[in-house]
């Protein structure tokens, strides 16, 4: 059951981040990858800056979306260079 929740959270977070940064999604597979990688980035970065949060699926989506936005902005900056 945990893997299904992770995939759903990744898909929603990837879609939200794509909508915020790019103006659209990346397809189901791309959204899942962007969301899961975003969750990993946020999971590494947030404790360093002292930002914590609660549990639950809503917090997980917010957490993964913020990380995915960071990922997409970094990719955009690297592509421009």
PDB file of N, CA and C in Angstrom:
ATOM      1  N   UNK A   1       0.817  -1.198   0.000  1.00  0.00           N
ATOM      2  CA  UNK A   1       0.000   0.000   0.000  1.00  0.00           C
ATOM      3  C   UNK A   1       0.859   1.261   0.000  1.00  0.00           C
ATOM      4  N   UNK A   2       2.017   1.230   0.633  1.00  0.00           N
ATOM      5  CA  UNK A   2       2.886   2.400   0.714  1.00  0.00           C
ATOM      6  C   UNK A   2       3.406   2.846  -0.639  1.00  0.00           C
ATOM      7  N   UNK A   3       3.722   1.901  -1.517  1.00  0.00           N
ATOM      8  CA  UNK A   3       4.242   2.256  -2.843  1.00  0.00           C
ATOM      9  C   UNK A   3       3.165   2.940  -3.668  1.00  0.00           C
ATOM     10  N   UNK A   4       1.916   2.531  -3.512  1.00  0.00           N
ATOM     11  CA  UNK A   4       0.820   3.155  -4.254  1.00  0.00           C
ATOM     12  C   UNK A   4       0.630   4.598  -3.799  1.00  0.00           C
ATOM     13  N   UNK A   5       0.677   4.827  -2.506  1.00  0.00           N
ATOM     14  CA  UNK A   5       0.557   6.186  -1.972  1.00  0.00           C
ATOM     15  C   UNK A   5       1.719   7.035  -2.458  1.00  0.00           C
ATOM     16  N   UNK A   6       2.935   6.485  -2.465  1.00  0.00           N
ATOM     17  CA  UNK A   6       4.101   7.224  -2.938  1.00  0.00           C
ATOM     18  C   UNK A   6       3.940   7.621  -4.404  1.00  0.00           C
ATOM     19  N   UNK A   7       3.419   6.712  -5.216  1.00  0.00           N
ATOM     20  CA  UNK A   7       3.217   7.014  -6.626  1.00  0.00           C
ATOM     21  C   UNK A   7       2.141   8.075  -6.830  1.00  0.00           C
ATOM     22  N   UNK A   8       1.090   8.009  -6.041  1.00  0.00           N
ATOM     23  CA  UNK A   8       0.026   9.020  -6.142  1.00  0.00           C
ATOM     24  C   UNK A   8       0.531  10.381  -5.705  1.00  0.00           C
ATOM     25  N   UNK A   9       1.242  10.433  -4.586  1.00  0.00           N
ATOM     26  CA  UNK A   9       1.811  11.695  -4.107  1.00  0.00           C
ATOM     27  C   UNK A   9       2.798  12.247  -5.141  1.00  0.00           C
ATOM     28  N   UNK A  10       3.644  11.400  -5.694  1.00  0.00           N
ATOM     29  CA  UNK A  10       4.592  11.839  -6.714  1.00  0.00           C
ATOM     30  C   UNK A  10       3.895  12.385  -7.942  1.00  0.00           C
ATOM     31  N   UNK A  11       2.835  11.725  -8.385  1.00  0.00           N
ATOM     32  CA  UNK A  11       2.104  12.179  -9.566  1.00  0.00           C
ATOM     33  C   UNK A  11       1.454  13.544  -9.325  1.00  0.00           C
ATOM     34  N   UNK A  12       0.816  13.704  -8.169  1.00  0.00           N
ATOM     35  CA  UNK A  12       0.157  14.979  -7.860  1.00  0.00           C
ATOM     36  C   UNK A  12       1.196  16.091  -7.692  1.00  0.00           C
ATOM     37  N   UNK A  13       2.273  15.812  -6.964  1.00  0.00           N
ATOM     38  CA  UNK A  13       3.305  16.818  -6.738  1.00  0.00           C
ATOM     39  C   UNK A  13       3.999  17.195  -8.041  1.00  0.00           C
ATOM     40  N   UNK A  14       4.286  16.225  -8.885  1.00  0.00           N
ATOM     41  CA  UNK A  14       4.919  16.512 -10.175  1.00  0.00           C
ATOM     42  C   UNK A  14       4.023  17.349 -11.063  1.00  0.00           C
ATOM     43  N   UNK A  15       2.737  17.029 -11.075  1.00  0.00           N
ATOM     44  CA  UNK A  15       1.788  17.809 -11.870  1.00  0.00           C
ATOM     45  C   UNK A  15       1.694  19.244 -11.348  1.00  0.00           C
ATOM     46  N   UNK A  16       1.586  19.410 -10.024  1.00  0.00           N
ATOM     47  CA  UNK A  16       1.511  20.752  -9.441  1.00  0.00           C
ATOM     48  C   UNK A  16       2.773  21.560  -9.750  1.00  0.00           C
ATOM     49  N   UNK A  17       3.934  20.934  -9.575  1.00  0.00           N
ATOM     50  CA  UNK A  17       5.195  21.637  -9.835  1.00  0.00           C
ATOM     51  C   UNK A  17       5.312  22.004 -11.309  1.00  0.00           C
ATOM     52  N   UNK A  18       4.917  21.093 -12.196  1.00  0.00           N
ATOM     53  CA  UNK A  18       4.946  21.397 -13.619  1.00  0.00           C
ATOM     54  C   UNK A  18       4.022  22.542 -13.972  1.00  0.00           C
ATOM     55  N   UNK A  19       2.887  22.594 -13.326  1.00  0.00           N
ATOM     56  CA  UNK A  19       1.934  23.680 -13.557  1.00  0.00           C
ATOM     57  C   UNK A  19       2.485  25.003 -13.037  1.00  0.00           C
ATOM     58  N   UNK A  20       3.138  24.978 -11.902  1.00  0.00           N
ATOM     59  CA  UNK A  20       3.686  26.197 -11.302  1.00  0.00           C
ATOM     60  C   UNK A  20       4.872  26.717 -12.111  1.00  0.00           C
ATOM     61  N   UNK A  21       5.785  25.852 -12.479  1.00  0.00           N
ATOM     62  CA  UNK A  21       7.043  26.282 -13.106  1.00  0.00           C
ATOM     63  C   UNK A  21       6.936  26.376 -14.623  1.00  0.00           C
ATOM     64  N   UNK A  22       6.398  25.360 -15.239  1.00  0.00           N
ATOM     65  CA  UNK A  22       6.431  25.254 -16.689  1.00  0.00           C
ATOM     66  C   UNK A  22       5.120  25.651 -17.341  1.00  0.00           C
ATOM     67  N   UNK A  23       4.046  25.498 -16.640  1.00  0.00           N
ATOM     68  CA  UNK A  23       2.750  25.782 -17.207  1.00  0.00           C
ATOM     69  C   UNK A  23       1.999  24.536 -17.646  1.00  0.00           C
ATOM     70  N   UNK A  24       2.498  23.366 -17.336  1.00  0.00           N
ATOM     71  CA  UNK A  24       1.826  22.125 -17.705  1.00  0.00           C
ATOM     72  C   UNK A  24       2.501  20.938 -17.068  1.00  0.00           C
ATOM     73  N   UNK A  25       1.912  19.782 -17.213  1.00  0.00           N
ATOM     74  CA  UNK A  25       2.480  18.570 -16.643  1.00  0.00           C
ATOM     75  C   UNK A  25       3.447  17.894 -17.600  1.00  0.00           C
ATOM     76  N   UNK A  26       3.965  16.748 -17.206  1.00  0.00           N
ATOM     77  CA  UNK A  26       4.948  16.000 -17.989  1.00  0.00           C
ATOM     78  C   UNK A  26       4.440  14.624 -18.365  1.00  0.00           C
ATOM     79  N   UNK A  27       3.159  14.387 -18.256  1.00  0.00           N
ATOM     80  CA  UNK A  27       2.625  13.043 -18.430  1.00  0.00           C
ATOM     81  C   UNK A  27       2.705  12.311 -17.097  1.00  0.00           C
ATOM     82  N   UNK A  28       2.001  11.218 -16.987  1.00  0.00           N
ATOM     83  CA  UNK A  28       1.920  10.505 -15.716  1.00  0.00           C
ATOM     84  C   UNK A  28       3.287  10.038 -15.226  1.00  0.00           C
ATOM     85  N   UNK A  29       4.048   9.390 -16.084  1.00  0.00           N
ATOM     86  CA  UNK A  29       5.371   8.896 -15.676  1.00  0.00           C
ATOM     87  C   UNK A  29       6.319  10.013 -15.298  1.00  0.00           C
ATOM     88  N   UNK A  30       6.339  11.068 -16.099  1.00  0.00           N
ATOM     89  CA  UNK A  30       7.208  12.208 -15.798  1.00  0.00           C
ATOM     90  C   UNK A  30       6.825  12.897 -14.513  1.00  0.00           C
ATOM     91  N   UNK A  31       5.523  13.046 -14.287  1.00  0.00           N
ATOM     92  CA  UNK A  31       5.061  13.666 -13.050  1.00  0.00           C
ATOM     93  C   UNK A  31       5.470  12.855 -11.830  1.00  0.00           C
ATOM     94  N   UNK A  32       5.363  11.536 -11.929  1.00  0.00           N
ATOM     95  CA  UNK A  32       5.755  10.674 -10.808  1.00  0.00           C
ATOM     96  C   UNK A  32       7.241  10.835 -10.523  1.00  0.00           C
ATOM     97  N   UNK A  33       8.071  10.809 -11.559  1.00  0.00           N
ATOM     98  CA  UNK A  33       9.523  10.947 -11.370  1.00  0.00           C
ATOM     99  C   UNK A  33       9.858  12.303 -10.769  1.00  0.00           C
ATOM    100  N   UNK A  34       9.294  13.375 -11.325  1.00  0.00           N
ATOM    101  CA  UNK A  34       9.570  14.721 -10.810  1.00  0.00           C
ATOM    102  C   UNK A  34       9.102  14.838  -9.359  1.00  0.00           C
ATOM    103  N   UNK A  35       7.937  14.308  -9.038  1.00  0.00           N
ATOM    104  CA  UNK A  35       7.415  14.386  -7.674  1.00  0.00           C
ATOM    105  C   UNK A  35       8.236  13.600  -6.674  1.00  0.00           C
ATOM    106  N   UNK A  36       8.657  12.389  -7.047  1.00  0.00           N
ATOM    107  CA  UNK A  36       9.448  11.563  -6.133  1.00  0.00           C
ATOM    108  C   UNK A  36      10.841  12.172  -5.929  1.00  0.00           C
ATOM    109  N   UNK A  37      11.464  12.626  -7.010  1.00  0.00           N
ATOM    110  CA  UNK A  37      12.779  13.275  -6.863  1.00  0.00           C
ATOM    111  C   UNK A  37      12.632  14.562  -6.060  1.00  0.00           C
ATOM    112  N   UNK A  38      11.556  15.293  -6.267  1.00  0.00           N
ATOM    113  CA  UNK A  38      11.296  16.499  -5.475  1.00  0.00           C
ATOM    114  C   UNK A  38      11.138  16.191  -3.999  1.00  0.00           C
ATOM    115  N   UNK A  39      10.479  15.094  -3.691  1.00  0.00           N
ATOM    116  CA  UNK A  39      10.330  14.697  -2.288  1.00  0.00           C
ATOM    117  C   UNK A  39      11.685  14.369  -1.671  1.00  0.00           C
ATOM    118  N   UNK A  40      12.548  13.737  -2.447  1.00  0.00           N
ATOM    119  CA  UNK A  40      13.890  13.420  -1.954  1.00  0.00           C
ATOM    120  C   UNK A  40      14.675  14.703  -1.710  1.00  0.00           C
ATOM    121  N   UNK A  41      14.617  15.642  -2.648  1.00  0.00           N
ATOM    122  CA  UNK A  41      15.321  16.920  -2.495  1.00  0.00           C
ATOM    123  C   UNK A  41      14.821  17.655  -1.256  1.00  0.00           C
ATOM    124  N   UNK A  42      13.502  17.748  -1.109  1.00  0.00           N
ATOM    125  CA  UNK A  42      12.935  18.434   0.052  1.00  0.00           C
ATOM    126  C   UNK A  42      13.276  17.704   1.347  1.00  0.00           C
ATOM    127  N   UNK A  43      13.288  16.382   1.303  1.00  0.00           N
ATOM    128  CA  UNK A  43      13.631  15.602   2.486  1.00  0.00           C
ATOM    129  C   UNK A  43      15.061  15.821   2.942  1.00  0.00           C
ATOM    130  N   UNK A  44      15.938  16.131   2.002  1.00  0.00           N
ATOM    131  CA  UNK A  44      17.327  16.428   2.345  1.00  0.00           C
ATOM    132  C   UNK A  44      17.525  17.891   2.740  1.00  0.00           C
ATOM    133  N   UNK A  45      16.820  18.798   2.065  1.00  0.00           N
ATOM    134  CA  UNK A  45      17.051  20.230   2.268  1.00  0.00           C
ATOM    135  C   UNK A  45      16.305  20.803   3.474  1.00  0.00           C
ATOM    136  N   UNK A  46      15.075  20.385   3.697  1.00  0.00           N
ATOM    137  CA  UNK A  46      14.274  21.004   4.748  1.00  0.00           C
ATOM    138  C   UNK A  46      14.872  20.865   6.139  1.00  0.00           C
ATOM    139  N   UNK A  47      15.374  19.696   6.546  1.00  0.00           N
ATOM    140  CA  UNK A  47      15.964  19.613   7.888  1.00  0.00           C
ATOM    141  C   UNK A  47      17.198  20.514   8.054  1.00  0.00           C
ATOM    142  N   UNK A  48      17.935  20.729   6.983  1.00  0.00           N
ATOM    143  CA  UNK A  48      19.130  21.572   7.053  1.00  0.00           C
ATOM    144  C   UNK A  48      18.755  23.014   7.355  1.00  0.00           C
ATOM    145  N   UNK A  49      17.651  23.493   6.760  1.00  0.00           N
ATOM    146  CA  UNK A  49      17.244  24.876   6.988  1.00  0.00           C
ATOM    147  C   UNK A  49      16.292  25.012   8.181  1.00  0.00           C
ATOM    148  N   UNK A  50      16.012  23.911   8.851  1.00  0.00           N
ATOM    149  CA  UNK A  50      15.185  23.941  10.049  1.00  0.00           C
ATOM    150  C   UNK A  50      13.692  24.005   9.779  1.00  0.00           C
ATOM    151  N   UNK A  51      13.286  23.585   8.589  1.00  0.00           N
ATOM    152  CA  UNK A  51      11.871  23.616   8.228  1.00  0.00           C
ATOM    153  C   UNK A  51      11.292  22.227   8.407  1.00  0.00           C
ATOM    154  N   UNK A  52      10.312  22.117   9.255  1.00  0.00           N
ATOM    155  CA  UNK A  52       9.683  20.826   9.489  1.00  0.00           C
ATOM    156  C   UNK A  52       8.203  20.916   9.211  1.00  0.00           C
ATOM    157  N   UNK A  53       7.548  19.838   9.364  1.00  0.00           N
ATOM    158  CA  UNK A  53       6.110  19.840   9.135  1.00  0.00           C
ATOM    159  C   UNK A  53       5.484  18.618   9.768  1.00  0.00           C
ATOM    160  N   UNK A  54       4.211  18.557   9.634  1.00  0.00           N
ATOM    161  CA  UNK A  54       3.477  17.440  10.188  1.00  0.00           C
ATOM    162  C   UNK A  54       3.520  16.245   9.265  1.00  0.00           C
ATOM    163  N   UNK A  55       2.701  15.295   9.557  1.00  0.00           N
ATOM    164  CA  UNK A  55       2.614  14.110   8.724  1.00  0.00           C
ATOM    165  C   UNK A  55       1.352  14.142   7.893  1.00  0.00           C
ATOM    166  N   UNK A  56       1.094  13.077   7.240  1.00  0.00           N
ATOM    167  CA  UNK A  56      -0.127  12.967   6.457  1.00  0.00           C
ATOM    168  C   UNK A  56       0.110  13.179   4.982  1.00  0.00           C
ATOM    169  N   UNK A  57      -0.890  12.841   4.223  1.00  0.00           N
ATOM    170  CA  UNK A  57      -0.749  12.874   2.771  1.00  0.00           C
ATOM    171  C   UNK A  57      -0.713  14.306   2.234  1.00  0.00           C
ATOM    172  N   UNK A  58      -1.456  15.220   2.839  1.00  0.00           N
ATOM    173  CA  UNK A  58      -1.449  16.616   2.372  1.00  0.00           C
ATOM    174  C   UNK A  58      -0.061  17.219   2.571  1.00  0.00           C
ATOM    175  N   UNK A  59       0.526  17.015   3.750  1.00  0.00           N
ATOM    176  CA  UNK A  59       1.873  17.521   3.991  1.00  0.00           C
ATOM    177  C   UNK A  59       2.851  16.868   3.030  1.00  0.00           C
ATOM    178  N   UNK A  60       2.704  15.602   2.746  1.00  0.00           N
ATOM    179  CA  UNK A  60       3.596  14.920   1.817  1.00  0.00           C
ATOM    180  C   UNK A  60       3.511  15.532   0.422  1.00  0.00           C
ATOM    181  N   UNK A  61       2.315  15.868  -0.016  1.00  0.00           N
ATOM    182  CA  UNK A  61       2.150  16.491  -1.334  1.00  0.00           C
ATOM    183  C   UNK A  61       2.782  17.877  -1.349  1.00  0.00           C
ATOM    184  N   UNK A  62       2.566  18.664  -0.310  1.00  0.00           N
ATOM    185  CA  UNK A  62       3.172  19.998  -0.229  1.00  0.00           C
ATOM    186  C   UNK A  62       4.692  19.888  -0.221  1.00  0.00           C
ATOM    187  N   UNK A  63       5.204  19.003   0.585  1.00  0.00           N
ATOM    188  CA  UNK A  63       6.639  18.754   0.720  1.00  0.00           C
ATOM    189  C   UNK A  63       7.245  18.373  -0.631  1.00  0.00           C
ATOM    190  N   UNK A  64       6.641  17.401  -1.302  1.00  0.00           N
ATOM    191  CA  UNK A  64       7.151  16.931  -2.585  1.00  0.00           C
ATOM    192  C   UNK A  64       7.008  18.008  -3.661  1.00  0.00           C
ATOM    193  N   UNK A  65       5.944  18.790  -3.618  1.00  0.00           N
ATOM    194  CA  UNK A  65       5.747  19.849  -4.607  1.00  0.00           C
ATOM    195  C   UNK A  65       6.810  20.925  -4.484  1.00  0.00           C
ATOM    196  N   UNK A  66       7.117  21.338  -3.273  1.00  0.00           N
ATOM    197  CA  UNK A  66       8.161  22.353  -3.073  1.00  0.00           C
ATOM    198  C   UNK A  66       9.502  21.829  -3.585  1.00  0.00           C
ATOM    199  N   UNK A  67       9.830  20.590  -3.269  1.00  0.00           N
ATOM    200  CA  UNK A  67      11.064  19.999  -3.764  1.00  0.00           C
ATOM    201  C   UNK A  67      11.076  19.877  -5.273  1.00  0.00           C
ATOM    202  N   UNK A  68       9.939  19.531  -5.875  1.00  0.00           N
ATOM    203  CA  UNK A  68       9.854  19.404  -7.322  1.00  0.00           C
ATOM    204  C   UNK A  68       9.980  20.762  -8.007  1.00  0.00           C
ATOM    205  N   UNK A  69       9.426  21.804  -7.410  1.00  0.00           N
ATOM    206  CA  UNK A  69       9.594  23.154  -7.958  1.00  0.00           C
ATOM    207  C   UNK A  69      11.065  23.542  -7.931  1.00  0.00           C
ATOM    208  N   UNK A  70      11.747  23.252  -6.842  1.00  0.00           N
ATOM    209  CA  UNK A  70      13.185  23.517  -6.756  1.00  0.00           C
ATOM    210  C   UNK A  70      13.917  22.766  -7.858  1.00  0.00           C
ATOM    211  N   UNK A  71      13.589  21.505  -8.060  1.00  0.00           N
ATOM    212  CA  UNK A  71      14.210  20.689  -9.099  1.00  0.00           C
ATOM    213  C   UNK A  71      13.982  21.301 -10.479  1.00  0.00           C
ATOM    214  N   UNK A  72      12.763  21.670 -10.796  1.00  0.00           N
ATOM    215  CA  UNK A  72      12.458  22.209 -12.117  1.00  0.00           C
ATOM    216  C   UNK A  72      13.114  23.567 -12.357  1.00  0.00           C
ATOM    217  N   UNK A  73      13.190  24.393 -11.329  1.00  0.00           N
ATOM    218  CA  UNK A  73      13.871  25.685 -11.467  1.00  0.00           C
ATOM    219  C   UNK A  73      15.358  25.462 -11.709  1.00  0.00           C
ATOM    220  N   UNK A  74      15.960  24.522 -10.989  1.00  0.00           N
ATOM    221  CA  UNK A  74      17.386  24.216 -11.202  1.00  0.00           C
ATOM    222  C   UNK A  74      17.631  23.696 -12.616  1.00  0.00           C
ATOM    223  N   UNK A  75      16.758  22.840 -13.094  1.00  0.00           N
ATOM    224  CA  UNK A  75      16.902  22.317 -14.458  1.00  0.00           C
ATOM    225  C   UNK A  75      16.776  23.444 -15.474  1.00  0.00           C
ATOM    226  N   UNK A  76      15.828  24.341 -15.270  1.00  0.00           N
ATOM    227  CA  UNK A  76      15.653  25.481 -16.177  1.00  0.00           C
ATOM    228  C   UNK A  76      16.896  26.373 -16.195  1.00  0.00           C
ATOM    229  N   UNK A  77      17.471  26.641 -15.027  1.00  0.00           N
ATOM    230  CA  UNK A  77      18.675  27.473 -14.938  1.00  0.00           C
ATOM    231  C   UNK A  77      19.846  26.794 -15.645  1.00  0.00           C
ATOM    232  N   UNK A  78      20.014  25.509 -15.435  1.00  0.00           N
ATOM    233  CA  UNK A  78      21.113  24.775 -16.057  1.00  0.00           C
ATOM    234  C   UNK A  78      20.958  24.745 -17.577  1.00  0.00           C
ATOM    235  N   UNK A  79      19.751  24.596 -18.068  1.00  0.00           N
ATOM    236  CA  UNK A  79      19.510  24.585 -19.513  1.00  0.00           C
ATOM    237  C   UNK A  79      19.817  25.937 -20.151  1.00  0.00           C
ATOM    238  N   UNK A  80      19.633  27.021 -19.413  1.00  0.00           N
ATOM    239  CA  UNK A  80      19.878  28.349 -19.955  1.00  0.00           C
ATOM    240  C   UNK A  80      21.357  28.667 -20.038  1.00  0.00           C
ATOM    241  N   UNK A  81      22.165  27.980 -19.286  1.00  0.00           N
ATOM    242  CA  UNK A  81      23.611  28.268 -19.272  1.00  0.00           C
ATOM    243  C   UNK A  81      24.306  27.608 -20.413  1.00  0.00           C
TER     244      UNK A  81
END
